[in-house]
Amino acid sequence: MNEPADTPQNPAEMRRTALYLTLAQVPEGCVVSYGELAHLAGLGRAARFVGRTLSQLPDGSKLPWHRVVAAGGRISLPVGSASGDEQRARLRSEGVSILNNRVDIQRHGWRPVEHSG
């Protein structure tokens, strides 16, 4: 019997799917670090994998990639770059304040344990 087409077939696809499913849960107005997103997705210490995978999202992706920041709330995409400017604009439109190229993790950090039943 054949697997459905949308079932992950290999470990790389399974890791990517876990990452995407976790990222899709980050609510508007919240941010998560690359490392924390990897941890929440069950990927261990895979912050670089998260960054690399998000940089390869297809154009028009609905995933909230802009809600992922570096450790300590630092925005890693350069000021003046198209993606960096888009990330900052999207975050600000969601009410996330950015000061000195950082987001206040205490205020805007996503803590899913606090939001679960």
PDB file of N, CA and C in Angstrom:
ATOM      1  N   MET A   1       0.849  -1.191   0.000  1.00  0.00           N
ATOM      2  CA  MET A   1       0.000   0.000   0.000  1.00  0.00           C
ATOM      3  C   MET A   1       0.882   1.238   0.000  1.00  0.00           C
ATOM      4  N   ASN A   2       0.539   2.205  -0.824  1.00  0.00           N
ATOM      5  CA  ASN A   2       1.352   3.408  -0.946  1.00  0.00           C
ATOM      6  C   ASN A   2       1.013   4.426   0.132  1.00  0.00           C
ATOM      7  N   GLU A   3       2.056   5.173   0.557  1.00  0.00           N
ATOM      8  CA  GLU A   3       1.868   6.262   1.511  1.00  0.00           C
ATOM      9  C   GLU A   3       1.205   7.442   0.809  1.00  0.00           C
ATOM     10  N   PRO A   4       0.410   8.244   1.537  1.00  0.00           N
ATOM     11  CA  PRO A   4      -0.114   9.470   0.924  1.00  0.00           C
ATOM     12  C   PRO A   4       1.043  10.383   0.519  1.00  0.00           C
ATOM     13  N   ALA A   5       0.829  11.178  -0.497  1.00  0.00           N
ATOM     14  CA  ALA A   5       1.888  12.029  -1.040  1.00  0.00           C
ATOM     15  C   ALA A   5       2.414  13.036  -0.018  1.00  0.00           C
ATOM     16  N   ASP A   6       1.571  13.470   0.934  1.00  0.00           N
ATOM     17  CA  ASP A   6       2.018  14.499   1.868  1.00  0.00           C
ATOM     18  C   ASP A   6       2.677  13.911   3.116  1.00  0.00           C
ATOM     19  N   THR A   7       2.846  12.600   3.186  1.00  0.00           N
ATOM     20  CA  THR A   7       3.519  11.969   4.314  1.00  0.00           C
ATOM     21  C   THR A   7       5.028  12.085   4.108  1.00  0.00           C
ATOM     22  N   PRO A   8       5.748  12.617   5.122  1.00  0.00           N
ATOM     23  CA  PRO A   8       7.203  12.711   4.975  1.00  0.00           C
ATOM     24  C   PRO A   8       7.809  11.342   4.700  1.00  0.00           C
ATOM     25  N   GLN A   9       8.735  11.298   3.767  1.00  0.00           N
ATOM     26  CA  GLN A   9       9.313  10.024   3.335  1.00  0.00           C
ATOM     27  C   GLN A   9      10.691   9.771   3.916  1.00  0.00           C
ATOM     28  N   ASN A  10      11.417  10.804   4.268  1.00  0.00           N
ATOM     29  CA  ASN A  10      12.779  10.603   4.750  1.00  0.00           C
ATOM     30  C   ASN A  10      13.055  11.508   5.952  1.00  0.00           C
ATOM     31  N   PRO A  11      14.157  11.273   6.657  1.00  0.00           N
ATOM     32  CA  PRO A  11      14.443  12.069   7.865  1.00  0.00           C
ATOM     33  C   PRO A  11      14.523  13.575   7.608  1.00  0.00           C
ATOM     34  N   ALA A  12      15.082  13.985   6.479  1.00  0.00           N
ATOM     35  CA  ALA A  12      15.188  15.417   6.183  1.00  0.00           C
ATOM     36  C   ALA A  12      13.799  16.040   6.050  1.00  0.00           C
ATOM     37  N   GLU A  13      12.909  15.355   5.348  1.00  0.00           N
ATOM     38  CA  GLU A  13      11.542  15.869   5.201  1.00  0.00           C
ATOM     39  C   GLU A  13      10.823  15.877   6.542  1.00  0.00           C
ATOM     40  N   MET A  14      11.070  14.870   7.371  1.00  0.00           N
ATOM     41  CA  MET A  14      10.440  14.817   8.681  1.00  0.00           C
ATOM     42  C   MET A  14      10.906  15.973   9.562  1.00  0.00           C
ATOM     43  N   ARG A  15      12.193  16.291   9.512  1.00  0.00           N
ATOM     44  CA  ARG A  15      12.724  17.433  10.284  1.00  0.00           C
ATOM     45  C   ARG A  15      12.104  18.744   9.805  1.00  0.00           C
ATOM     46  N   ARG A  16      12.039  18.902   8.497  1.00  0.00           N
ATOM     47  CA  ARG A  16      11.463  20.118   7.922  1.00  0.00           C
ATOM     48  C   ARG A  16       9.986  20.247   8.307  1.00  0.00           C
ATOM     49  N   THR A  17       9.252  19.147   8.233  1.00  0.00           N
ATOM     50  CA  THR A  17       7.836  19.166   8.584  1.00  0.00           C
ATOM     51  C   THR A  17       7.640  19.536  10.055  1.00  0.00           C
ATOM     52  N   ALA A  18       8.455  18.962  10.943  1.00  0.00           N
ATOM     53  CA  ALA A  18       8.371  19.294  12.372  1.00  0.00           C
ATOM     54  C   ALA A  18       8.637  20.777  12.589  1.00  0.00           C
ATOM     55  N   LEU A  19       9.627  21.305  11.878  1.00  0.00           N
ATOM     56  CA  LEU A  19       9.955  22.729  11.980  1.00  0.00           C
ATOM     57  C   LEU A  19       8.776  23.584  11.508  1.00  0.00           C
ATOM     58  N   TYR A  20       8.226  23.271  10.338  1.00  0.00           N
ATOM     59  CA  TYR A  20       7.122  24.059   9.786  1.00  0.00           C
ATOM     60  C   TYR A  20       5.885  24.013  10.679  1.00  0.00           C
ATOM     61  N   LEU A  21       5.566  22.835  11.210  1.00  0.00           N
ATOM     62  CA  LEU A  21       4.384  22.713  12.075  1.00  0.00           C
ATOM     63  C   LEU A  21       4.540  23.535  13.347  1.00  0.00           C
ATOM     64  N   THR A  22       5.754  23.555  13.896  1.00  0.00           N
ATOM     65  CA  THR A  22       6.008  24.332  15.108  1.00  0.00           C
ATOM     66  C   THR A  22       5.990  25.826  14.798  1.00  0.00           C
ATOM     67  N   LEU A  23       6.640  26.237  13.724  1.00  0.00           N
ATOM     68  CA  LEU A  23       6.667  27.641  13.340  1.00  0.00           C
ATOM     69  C   LEU A  23       5.255  28.175  13.100  1.00  0.00           C
ATOM     70  N   ALA A  24       4.407  27.363  12.504  1.00  0.00           N
ATOM     71  CA  ALA A  24       3.042  27.799  12.189  1.00  0.00           C
ATOM     72  C   ALA A  24       2.255  28.141  13.457  1.00  0.00           C
ATOM     73  N   GLN A  25       2.698  27.663  14.610  1.00  0.00           N
ATOM     74  CA  GLN A  25       1.991  27.916  15.866  1.00  0.00           C
ATOM     75  C   GLN A  25       2.397  29.214  16.557  1.00  0.00           C
ATOM     76  N   VAL A  26       3.481  29.848  16.108  1.00  0.00           N
ATOM     77  CA  VAL A  26       3.946  31.073  16.766  1.00  0.00           C
ATOM     78  C   VAL A  26       2.917  32.168  16.507  1.00  0.00           C
ATOM     79  N   PRO A  27       2.292  32.680  17.573  1.00  0.00           N
ATOM     80  CA  PRO A  27       1.206  33.650  17.375  1.00  0.00           C
ATOM     81  C   PRO A  27       1.698  35.037  16.970  1.00  0.00           C
ATOM     82  N   GLU A  28       0.795  35.780  16.374  1.00  0.00           N
ATOM     83  CA  GLU A  28       1.063  37.167  15.994  1.00  0.00           C
ATOM     84  C   GLU A  28       1.506  37.946  17.227  1.00  0.00           C
ATOM     85  N   GLY A  29       2.516  38.803  17.047  1.00  0.00           N
ATOM     86  CA  GLY A  29       3.010  39.625  18.145  1.00  0.00           C
ATOM     87  C   GLY A  29       4.034  38.933  19.026  1.00  0.00           C
ATOM     88  N   CYS A  30       4.375  37.689  18.676  1.00  0.00           N
ATOM     89  CA  CYS A  30       5.372  36.940  19.446  1.00  0.00           C
ATOM     90  C   CYS A  30       6.545  36.574  18.552  1.00  0.00           C
ATOM     91  N   VAL A  31       7.700  36.366  19.184  1.00  0.00           N
ATOM     92  CA  VAL A  31       8.882  35.911  18.456  1.00  0.00           C
ATOM     93  C   VAL A  31       9.470  34.718  19.193  1.00  0.00           C
ATOM     94  N   VAL A  32      10.303  33.968  18.480  1.00  0.00           N
ATOM     95  CA  VAL A  32      11.009  32.820  19.038  1.00  0.00           C
ATOM     96  C   VAL A  32      12.400  32.806  18.417  1.00  0.00           C
ATOM     97  N   SER A  33      13.391  32.369  19.184  1.00  0.00           N
ATOM     98  CA  SER A  33      14.744  32.309  18.625  1.00  0.00           C
ATOM     99  C   SER A  33      14.898  31.060  17.768  1.00  0.00           C
ATOM    100  N   TYR A  34      15.901  31.087  16.911  1.00  0.00           N
ATOM    101  CA  TYR A  34      16.190  29.927  16.062  1.00  0.00           C
ATOM    102  C   TYR A  34      16.387  28.682  16.928  1.00  0.00           C
ATOM    103  N   GLY A  35      17.185  28.814  17.986  1.00  0.00           N
ATOM    104  CA  GLY A  35      17.482  27.683  18.850  1.00  0.00           C
ATOM    105  C   GLY A  35      16.260  27.176  19.594  1.00  0.00           C
ATOM    106  N   GLU A  36      15.437  28.091  20.097  1.00  0.00           N
ATOM    107  CA  GLU A  36      14.234  27.687  20.814  1.00  0.00           C
ATOM    108  C   GLU A  36      13.244  27.016  19.876  1.00  0.00           C
ATOM    109  N   LEU A  37      13.135  27.527  18.652  1.00  0.00           N
ATOM    110  CA  LEU A  37      12.245  26.902  17.671  1.00  0.00           C
ATOM    111  C   LEU A  37      12.705  25.473  17.370  1.00  0.00           C
ATOM    112  N   ALA A  38      14.013  25.287  17.223  1.00  0.00           N
ATOM    113  CA  ALA A  38      14.549  23.941  16.992  1.00  0.00           C
ATOM    114  C   ALA A  38      14.198  23.030  18.163  1.00  0.00           C
ATOM    115  N   HIS A  39      14.388  23.521  19.379  1.00  0.00           N
ATOM    116  CA  HIS A  39      14.091  22.734  20.574  1.00  0.00           C
ATOM    117  C   HIS A  39      12.606  22.364  20.628  1.00  0.00           C
ATOM    118  N   LEU A  40      11.732  23.346  20.406  1.00  0.00           N
ATOM    119  CA  LEU A  40      10.286  23.098  20.464  1.00  0.00           C
ATOM    120  C   LEU A  40       9.825  22.120  19.388  1.00  0.00           C
ATOM    121  N   ALA A  41      10.528  22.110  18.259  1.00  0.00           N
ATOM    122  CA  ALA A  41      10.175  21.206  17.157  1.00  0.00           C
ATOM    123  C   ALA A  41      10.764  19.803  17.362  1.00  0.00           C
ATOM    124  N   GLY A  42      11.483  19.616  18.470  1.00  0.00           N
ATOM    125  CA  GLY A  42      12.071  18.316  18.740  1.00  0.00           C
ATOM    126  C   GLY A  42      13.341  18.047  17.955  1.00  0.00           C
ATOM    127  N   LEU A  43      14.009  19.114  17.535  1.00  0.00           N
ATOM    128  CA  LEU A  43      15.204  18.966  16.700  1.00  0.00           C
ATOM    129  C   LEU A  43      16.500  19.178  17.477  1.00  0.00           C
ATOM    130  N   GLY A  44      16.402  19.315  18.785  1.00  0.00           N
ATOM    131  CA  GLY A  44      17.606  19.497  19.595  1.00  0.00           C
ATOM    132  C   GLY A  44      18.247  20.853  19.361  1.00  0.00           C
ATOM    133  N   ARG A  45      19.564  20.833  19.317  1.00  0.00           N
ATOM    134  CA  ARG A  45      20.330  22.070  19.156  1.00  0.00           C
ATOM    135  C   ARG A  45      20.610  22.312  17.673  1.00  0.00           C
ATOM    136  N   ALA A  46      19.586  22.666  16.955  1.00  0.00           N
ATOM    137  CA  ALA A  46      19.703  22.782  15.494  1.00  0.00           C
ATOM    138  C   ALA A  46      19.360  24.187  14.996  1.00  0.00           C
ATOM    139  N   ALA A  47      19.842  25.209  15.696  1.00  0.00           N
ATOM    140  CA  ALA A  47      19.530  26.589  15.316  1.00  0.00           C
ATOM    141  C   ALA A  47      19.966  26.894  13.882  1.00  0.00           C
ATOM    142  N   ARG A  48      21.127  26.408  13.497  1.00  0.00           N
ATOM    143  CA  ARG A  48      21.617  26.682  12.139  1.00  0.00           C
ATOM    144  C   ARG A  48      20.754  25.992  11.092  1.00  0.00           C
ATOM    145  N   PHE A  49      20.286  24.786  11.389  1.00  0.00           N
ATOM    146  CA  PHE A  49      19.365  24.094  10.490  1.00  0.00           C
ATOM    147  C   PHE A  49      18.098  24.932  10.300  1.00  0.00           C
ATOM    148  N   VAL A  50      17.584  25.486  11.401  1.00  0.00           N
ATOM    149  CA  VAL A  50      16.378  26.325  11.320  1.00  0.00           C
ATOM    150  C   VAL A  50      16.635  27.525  10.419  1.00  0.00           C
ATOM    151  N   GLY A  51      17.731  28.224  10.637  1.00  0.00           N
ATOM    152  CA  GLY A  51      18.041  29.393   9.820  1.00  0.00           C
ATOM    153  C   GLY A  51      18.196  29.055   8.351  1.00  0.00           C
ATOM    154  N   ARG A  52      18.913  27.982   8.081  1.00  0.00           N
ATOM    155  CA  ARG A  52      19.126  27.567   6.698  1.00  0.00           C
ATOM    156  C   ARG A  52      17.800  27.173   6.040  1.00  0.00           C
ATOM    157  N   THR A  53      16.976  26.429   6.756  1.00  0.00           N
ATOM    158  CA  THR A  53      15.703  25.977   6.203  1.00  0.00           C
ATOM    159  C   THR A  53      14.769  27.158   5.942  1.00  0.00           C
ATOM    160  N   LEU A  54      14.726  28.106   6.876  1.00  0.00           N
ATOM    161  CA  LEU A  54      13.850  29.265   6.678  1.00  0.00           C
ATOM    162  C   LEU A  54      14.332  30.140   5.522  1.00  0.00           C
ATOM    163  N   SER A  55      15.641  30.167   5.308  1.00  0.00           N
ATOM    164  CA  SER A  55      16.157  30.977   4.193  1.00  0.00           C
ATOM    165  C   SER A  55      15.781  30.381   2.842  1.00  0.00           C
ATOM    166  N   GLN A  56      15.346  29.114   2.855  1.00  0.00           N
ATOM    167  CA  GLN A  56      14.993  28.430   1.611  1.00  0.00           C
ATOM    168  C   GLN A  56      13.482  28.278   1.421  1.00  0.00           C
ATOM    169  N   LEU A  57      12.689  28.983   2.231  1.00  0.00           N
ATOM    170  CA  LEU A  57      11.235  28.903   2.057  1.00  0.00           C
ATOM    171  C   LEU A  57      10.861  29.407   0.666  1.00  0.00           C
ATOM    172  N   PRO A  58       9.875  28.784   0.045  1.00  0.00           N
ATOM    173  CA  PRO A  58       9.450  29.269  -1.274  1.00  0.00           C
ATOM    174  C   PRO A  58       8.790  30.640  -1.183  1.00  0.00           C
ATOM    175  N   ASP A  59       8.908  31.417  -2.258  1.00  0.00           N
ATOM    176  CA  ASP A  59       8.229  32.715  -2.315  1.00  0.00           C
ATOM    177  C   ASP A  59       6.741  32.511  -2.068  1.00  0.00           C
ATOM    178  N   GLY A  60       6.159  33.424  -1.314  1.00  0.00           N
ATOM    179  CA  GLY A  60       4.729  33.342  -1.059  1.00  0.00           C
ATOM    180  C   GLY A  60       4.354  32.414   0.084  1.00  0.00           C
ATOM    181  N   SER A  61       5.342  31.866   0.789  1.00  0.00           N
ATOM    182  CA  SER A  61       5.047  30.985   1.921  1.00  0.00           C
ATOM    183  C   SER A  61       4.232  31.745   2.960  1.00  0.00           C
ATOM    184  N   LYS A  62       3.262  31.074   3.537  1.00  0.00           N
ATOM    185  CA  LYS A  62       2.415  31.685   4.567  1.00  0.00           C
ATOM    186  C   LYS A  62       2.993  31.492   5.969  1.00  0.00           C
ATOM    187  N   LEU A  63       4.094  30.753   6.093  1.00  0.00           N
ATOM    188  CA  LEU A  63       4.698  30.550   7.407  1.00  0.00           C
ATOM    189  C   LEU A  63       5.240  31.875   7.957  1.00  0.00           C
ATOM    190  N   PRO A  64       5.085  32.115   9.249  1.00  0.00           N
ATOM    191  CA  PRO A  64       5.523  33.390   9.842  1.00  0.00           C
ATOM    192  C   PRO A  64       7.027  33.411  10.143  1.00  0.00           C
ATOM    193  N   TRP A  65       7.838  33.291   9.104  1.00  0.00           N
ATOM    194  CA  TRP A  65       9.305  33.264   9.244  1.00  0.00           C
ATOM    195  C   TRP A  65       9.826  34.513   9.941  1.00  0.00           C
ATOM    196  N   HIS A  66       9.091  35.612   9.799  1.00  0.00           N
ATOM    197  CA  HIS A  66       9.548  36.890  10.352  1.00  0.00           C
ATOM    198  C   HIS A  66       9.516  36.899  11.884  1.00  0.00           C
ATOM    199  N   ARG A  67       8.868  35.916  12.491  1.00  0.00           N
ATOM    200  CA  ARG A  67       8.782  35.848  13.956  1.00  0.00           C
ATOM    201  C   ARG A  67       9.952  35.095  14.577  1.00  0.00           C
ATOM    202  N   VAL A  68      10.938  34.728  13.767  1.00  0.00           N
ATOM    203  CA  VAL A  68      12.111  34.009  14.262  1.00  0.00           C
ATOM    204  C   VAL A  68      13.295  34.972  14.291  1.00  0.00           C
ATOM    205  N   VAL A  69      13.914  35.069  15.471  1.00  0.00           N
ATOM    206  CA  VAL A  69      15.036  35.993  15.670  1.00  0.00           C
ATOM    207  C   VAL A  69      16.220  35.230  16.262  1.00  0.00           C
ATOM    208  N   ALA A  70      17.347  35.877  16.290  1.00  0.00           N
ATOM    209  CA  ALA A  70      18.548  35.253  16.859  1.00  0.00           C
ATOM    210  C   ALA A  70      18.479  35.295  18.386  1.00  0.00           C
ATOM    211  N   ALA A  71      19.443  34.648  19.005  1.00  0.00           N
ATOM    212  CA  ALA A  71      19.508  34.597  20.470  1.00  0.00           C
ATOM    213  C   ALA A  71      19.465  36.004  21.058  1.00  0.00           C
ATOM    214  N   GLY A  72      18.783  36.137  22.171  1.00  0.00           N
ATOM    215  CA  GLY A  72      18.694  37.435  22.840  1.00  0.00           C
ATOM    216  C   GLY A  72      17.785  38.418  22.147  1.00  0.00           C
ATOM    217  N   GLY A  73      17.045  37.969  21.132  1.00  0.00           N
ATOM    218  CA  GLY A  73      16.114  38.853  20.434  1.00  0.00           C
ATOM    219  C   GLY A  73      16.719  39.640  19.292  1.00  0.00           C
ATOM    220  N   ARG A  74      17.978  39.365  18.975  1.00  0.00           N
ATOM    221  CA  ARG A  74      18.644  40.109  17.900  1.00  0.00           C
ATOM    222  C   ARG A  74      18.062  39.731  16.543  1.00  0.00           C
ATOM    223  N   ILE A  75      17.835  40.738  15.717  1.00  0.00           N
ATOM    224  CA  ILE A  75      17.383  40.482  14.346  1.00  0.00           C
ATOM    225  C   ILE A  75      18.631  40.297  13.497  1.00  0.00           C
ATOM    226  N   SER A  76      18.764  39.093  12.934  1.00  0.00           N
ATOM    227  CA  SER A  76      20.010  38.753  12.244  1.00  0.00           C
ATOM    228  C   SER A  76      20.045  39.207  10.793  1.00  0.00           C
ATOM    229  N   LEU A  77      18.880  39.445  10.197  1.00  0.00           N
ATOM    230  CA  LEU A  77      18.878  39.908   8.802  1.00  0.00           C
ATOM    231  C   LEU A  77      19.315  41.372   8.757  1.00  0.00           C
ATOM    232  N   PRO A  78      20.189  41.711   7.817  1.00  0.00           N
ATOM    233  CA  PRO A  78      20.773  43.061   7.801  1.00  0.00           C
ATOM    234  C   PRO A  78      19.748  44.166   7.515  1.00  0.00           C
ATOM    235  N   VAL A  79      19.941  45.293   8.217  1.00  0.00           N
ATOM    236  CA  VAL A  79      19.153  46.493   7.925  1.00  0.00           C
ATOM    237  C   VAL A  79      19.468  46.894   6.490  1.00  0.00           C
ATOM    238  N   GLY A  80      18.466  47.253   5.724  1.00  0.00           N
ATOM    239  CA  GLY A  80      18.668  47.657   4.340  1.00  0.00           C
ATOM    240  C   GLY A  80      18.514  46.522   3.344  1.00  0.00           C
ATOM    241  N   SER A  81      18.498  45.277   3.832  1.00  0.00           N
ATOM    242  CA  SER A  81      18.252  44.161   2.918  1.00  0.00           C
ATOM    243  C   SER A  81      16.742  44.011   2.760  1.00  0.00           C
ATOM    244  N   ALA A  82      16.316  43.483   1.622  1.00  0.00           N
ATOM    245  CA  ALA A  82      14.879  43.340   1.377  1.00  0.00           C
ATOM    246  C   ALA A  82      14.225  42.481   2.447  1.00  0.00           C
ATOM    247  N   SER A  83      14.832  41.329   2.766  1.00  0.00           N
ATOM    248  CA  SER A  83      14.226  40.435   3.759  1.00  0.00           C
ATOM    249  C   SER A  83      14.303  41.029   5.163  1.00  0.00           C
ATOM    250  N   GLY A  84      15.388  41.708   5.480  1.00  0.00           N
ATOM    251  CA  GLY A  84      15.526  42.341   6.795  1.00  0.00           C
ATOM    252  C   GLY A  84      14.502  43.446   6.990  1.00  0.00           C
ATOM    253  N   ASP A  85      14.332  44.273   5.973  1.00  0.00           N
ATOM    254  CA  ASP A  85      13.342  45.348   6.059  1.00  0.00           C
ATOM    255  C   ASP A  85      11.929  44.784   6.146  1.00  0.00           C
ATOM    256  N   GLU A  86      11.668  43.709   5.400  1.00  0.00           N
ATOM    257  CA  GLU A  86      10.351  43.085   5.455  1.00  0.00           C
ATOM    258  C   GLU A  86      10.094  42.502   6.844  1.00  0.00           C
ATOM    259  N   GLN A  87      11.099  41.844   7.423  1.00  0.00           N
ATOM    260  CA  GLN A  87      10.932  41.273   8.757  1.00  0.00           C
ATOM    261  C   GLN A  87      10.612  42.368   9.772  1.00  0.00           C
ATOM    262  N   ARG A  88      11.358  43.438   9.763  1.00  0.00           N
ATOM    263  CA  ARG A  88      11.128  44.518  10.721  1.00  0.00           C
ATOM    264  C   ARG A  88       9.742  45.138  10.536  1.00  0.00           C
ATOM    265  N   ALA A  89       9.340  45.346   9.278  1.00  0.00           N
ATOM    266  CA  ALA A  89       8.015  45.931   9.008  1.00  0.00           C
ATOM    267  C   ALA A  89       6.901  45.000   9.482  1.00  0.00           C
ATOM    268  N   ARG A  90       7.035  43.707   9.211  1.00  0.00           N
ATOM    269  CA  ARG A  90       5.998  42.748   9.643  1.00  0.00           C
ATOM    270  C   ARG A  90       5.897  42.700  11.166  1.00  0.00           C
ATOM    271  N   LEU A  91       7.040  42.650  11.843  1.00  0.00           N
ATOM    272  CA  LEU A  91       7.022  42.605  13.303  1.00  0.00           C
ATOM    273  C   LEU A  91       6.377  43.862  13.874  1.00  0.00           C
ATOM    274  N   ARG A  92       6.767  45.025  13.354  1.00  0.00           N
ATOM    275  CA  ARG A  92       6.188  46.278  13.852  1.00  0.00           C
ATOM    276  C   ARG A  92       4.679  46.330  13.617  1.00  0.00           C
ATOM    277  N   SER A  93       4.229  45.787  12.471  1.00  0.00           N
ATOM    278  CA  SER A  93       2.786  45.797  12.177  1.00  0.00           C
ATOM    279  C   SER A  93       2.015  44.894  13.144  1.00  0.00           C
ATOM    280  N   GLU A  94       2.711  43.956  13.794  1.00  0.00           N
ATOM    281  CA  GLU A  94       2.092  43.077  14.785  1.00  0.00           C
ATOM    282  C   GLU A  94       2.251  43.618  16.201  1.00  0.00           C
ATOM    283  N   GLY A  95       2.813  44.821  16.315  1.00  0.00           N
ATOM    284  CA  GLY A  95       2.963  45.433  17.629  1.00  0.00           C
ATOM    285  C   GLY A  95       4.236  45.064  18.360  1.00  0.00           C
ATOM    286  N   VAL A  96       5.182  44.456  17.662  1.00  0.00           N
ATOM    287  CA  VAL A  96       6.456  44.084  18.279  1.00  0.00           C
ATOM    288  C   VAL A  96       7.397  45.278  18.179  1.00  0.00           C
ATOM    289  N   SER A  97       7.900  45.728  19.331  1.00  0.00           N
ATOM    290  CA  SER A  97       8.819  46.862  19.326  1.00  0.00           C
ATOM    291  C   SER A  97      10.248  46.377  19.094  1.00  0.00           C
ATOM    292  N   ILE A  98      10.975  47.148  18.301  1.00  0.00           N
ATOM    293  CA  ILE A  98      12.366  46.826  17.968  1.00  0.00           C
ATOM    294  C   ILE A  98      13.213  48.020  18.387  1.00  0.00           C
ATOM    295  N   LEU A  99      14.213  47.765  19.217  1.00  0.00           N
ATOM    296  CA  LEU A  99      15.092  48.817  19.696  1.00  0.00           C
ATOM    297  C   LEU A  99      16.527  48.333  19.566  1.00  0.00           C
ATOM    298  N   ASN A 100      17.362  49.127  18.911  1.00  0.00           N
ATOM    299  CA  ASN A 100      18.767  48.742  18.690  1.00  0.00           C
ATOM    300  C   ASN A 100      18.875  47.370  18.022  1.00  0.00           C
ATOM    301  N   ASN A 101      18.014  47.135  17.042  1.00  0.00           N
ATOM    302  CA  ASN A 101      18.016  45.895  16.251  1.00  0.00           C
ATOM    303  C   ASN A 101      17.696  44.658  17.094  1.00  0.00           C
ATOM    304  N   ARG A 102      16.998  44.873  18.215  1.00  0.00           N
ATOM    305  CA  ARG A 102      16.601  43.761  19.093  1.00  0.00           C
ATOM    306  C   ARG A 102      15.122  43.850  19.436  1.00  0.00           C
ATOM    307  N   VAL A 103      14.549  42.663  19.651  1.00  0.00           N
ATOM    308  CA  VAL A 103      13.182  42.537  20.142  1.00  0.00           C
ATOM    309  C   VAL A 103      13.291  42.181  21.618  1.00  0.00           C
ATOM    310  N   ASP A 104      12.424  42.733  22.444  1.00  0.00           N
ATOM    311  CA  ASP A 104      12.410  42.416  23.872  1.00  0.00           C
ATOM    312  C   ASP A 104      11.818  41.016  24.057  1.00  0.00           C
ATOM    313  N   ILE A 105      12.691  40.039  24.272  1.00  0.00           N
ATOM    314  CA  ILE A 105      12.260  38.646  24.404  1.00  0.00           C
ATOM    315  C   ILE A 105      11.364  38.458  25.628  1.00  0.00           C
ATOM    316  N   GLN A 106      11.649  39.170  26.703  1.00  0.00           N
ATOM    317  CA  GLN A 106      10.804  39.039  27.901  1.00  0.00           C
ATOM    318  C   GLN A 106       9.365  39.440  27.596  1.00  0.00           C
ATOM    319  N   ARG A 107       9.214  40.448  26.787  1.00  0.00           N
ATOM    320  CA  ARG A 107       7.884  40.969  26.463  1.00  0.00           C
ATOM    321  C   ARG A 107       7.221  40.219  25.311  1.00  0.00           C
ATOM    322  N   HIS A 108       7.992  39.917  24.265  1.00  0.00           N
ATOM    323  CA  HIS A 108       7.415  39.360  23.031  1.00  0.00           C
ATOM    324  C   HIS A 108       7.753  37.895  22.786  1.00  0.00           C
ATOM    325  N   GLY A 109       8.559  37.280  23.642  1.00  0.00           N
ATOM    326  CA  GLY A 109       8.957  35.894  23.422  1.00  0.00           C
ATOM    327  C   GLY A 109       7.781  34.929  23.564  1.00  0.00           C
ATOM    328  N   TRP A 110       7.729  33.977  22.658  1.00  0.00           N
ATOM    329  CA  TRP A 110       6.646  32.975  22.670  1.00  0.00           C
ATOM    330  C   TRP A 110       6.995  31.885  23.660  1.00  0.00           C
ATOM    331  N   ARG A 111       6.112  31.656  24.596  1.00  0.00           N
ATOM    332  CA  ARG A 111       6.275  30.597  25.579  1.00  0.00           C
ATOM    333  C   ARG A 111       5.040  29.698  25.499  1.00  0.00           C
ATOM    334  N   PRO A 112       5.067  28.711  24.603  1.00  0.00           N
ATOM    335  CA  PRO A 112       3.879  27.896  24.358  1.00  0.00           C
ATOM    336  C   PRO A 112       3.349  27.160  25.577  1.00  0.00           C
ATOM    337  N   VAL A 113       4.196  26.849  26.541  1.00  0.00           N
ATOM    338  CA  VAL A 113       3.752  26.137  27.739  1.00  0.00           C
ATOM    339  C   VAL A 113       2.725  26.978  28.493  1.00  0.00           C
ATOM    340  N   GLU A 114       2.923  28.317  28.487  1.00  0.00           N
ATOM    341  CA  GLU A 114       2.012  29.214  29.195  1.00  0.00           C
ATOM    342  C   GLU A 114       0.660  29.301  28.504  1.00  0.00           C
ATOM    343  N   HIS A 115       0.627  29.007  27.222  1.00  0.00           N
ATOM    344  CA  HIS A 115      -0.614  29.144  26.446  1.00  0.00           C
ATOM    345  C   HIS A 115      -1.366  27.837  26.286  1.00  0.00           C
ATOM    346  N   SER A 116      -0.760  26.732  26.713  1.00  0.00           N
ATOM    347  CA  SER A 116      -1.434  25.435  26.521  1.00  0.00           C
ATOM    348  C   SER A 116      -2.360  25.159  27.691  1.00  0.00           C
ATOM    349  N   GLY A 117      -3.315  24.219  27.471  1.00  0.00           N
ATOM    350  CA  GLY A 117      -4.346  23.885  28.416  1.00  0.00           C
ATOM    351  C   GLY A 117      -3.828  23.480  29.728  1.00  0.00           C
TER     352      GLY A 117
END
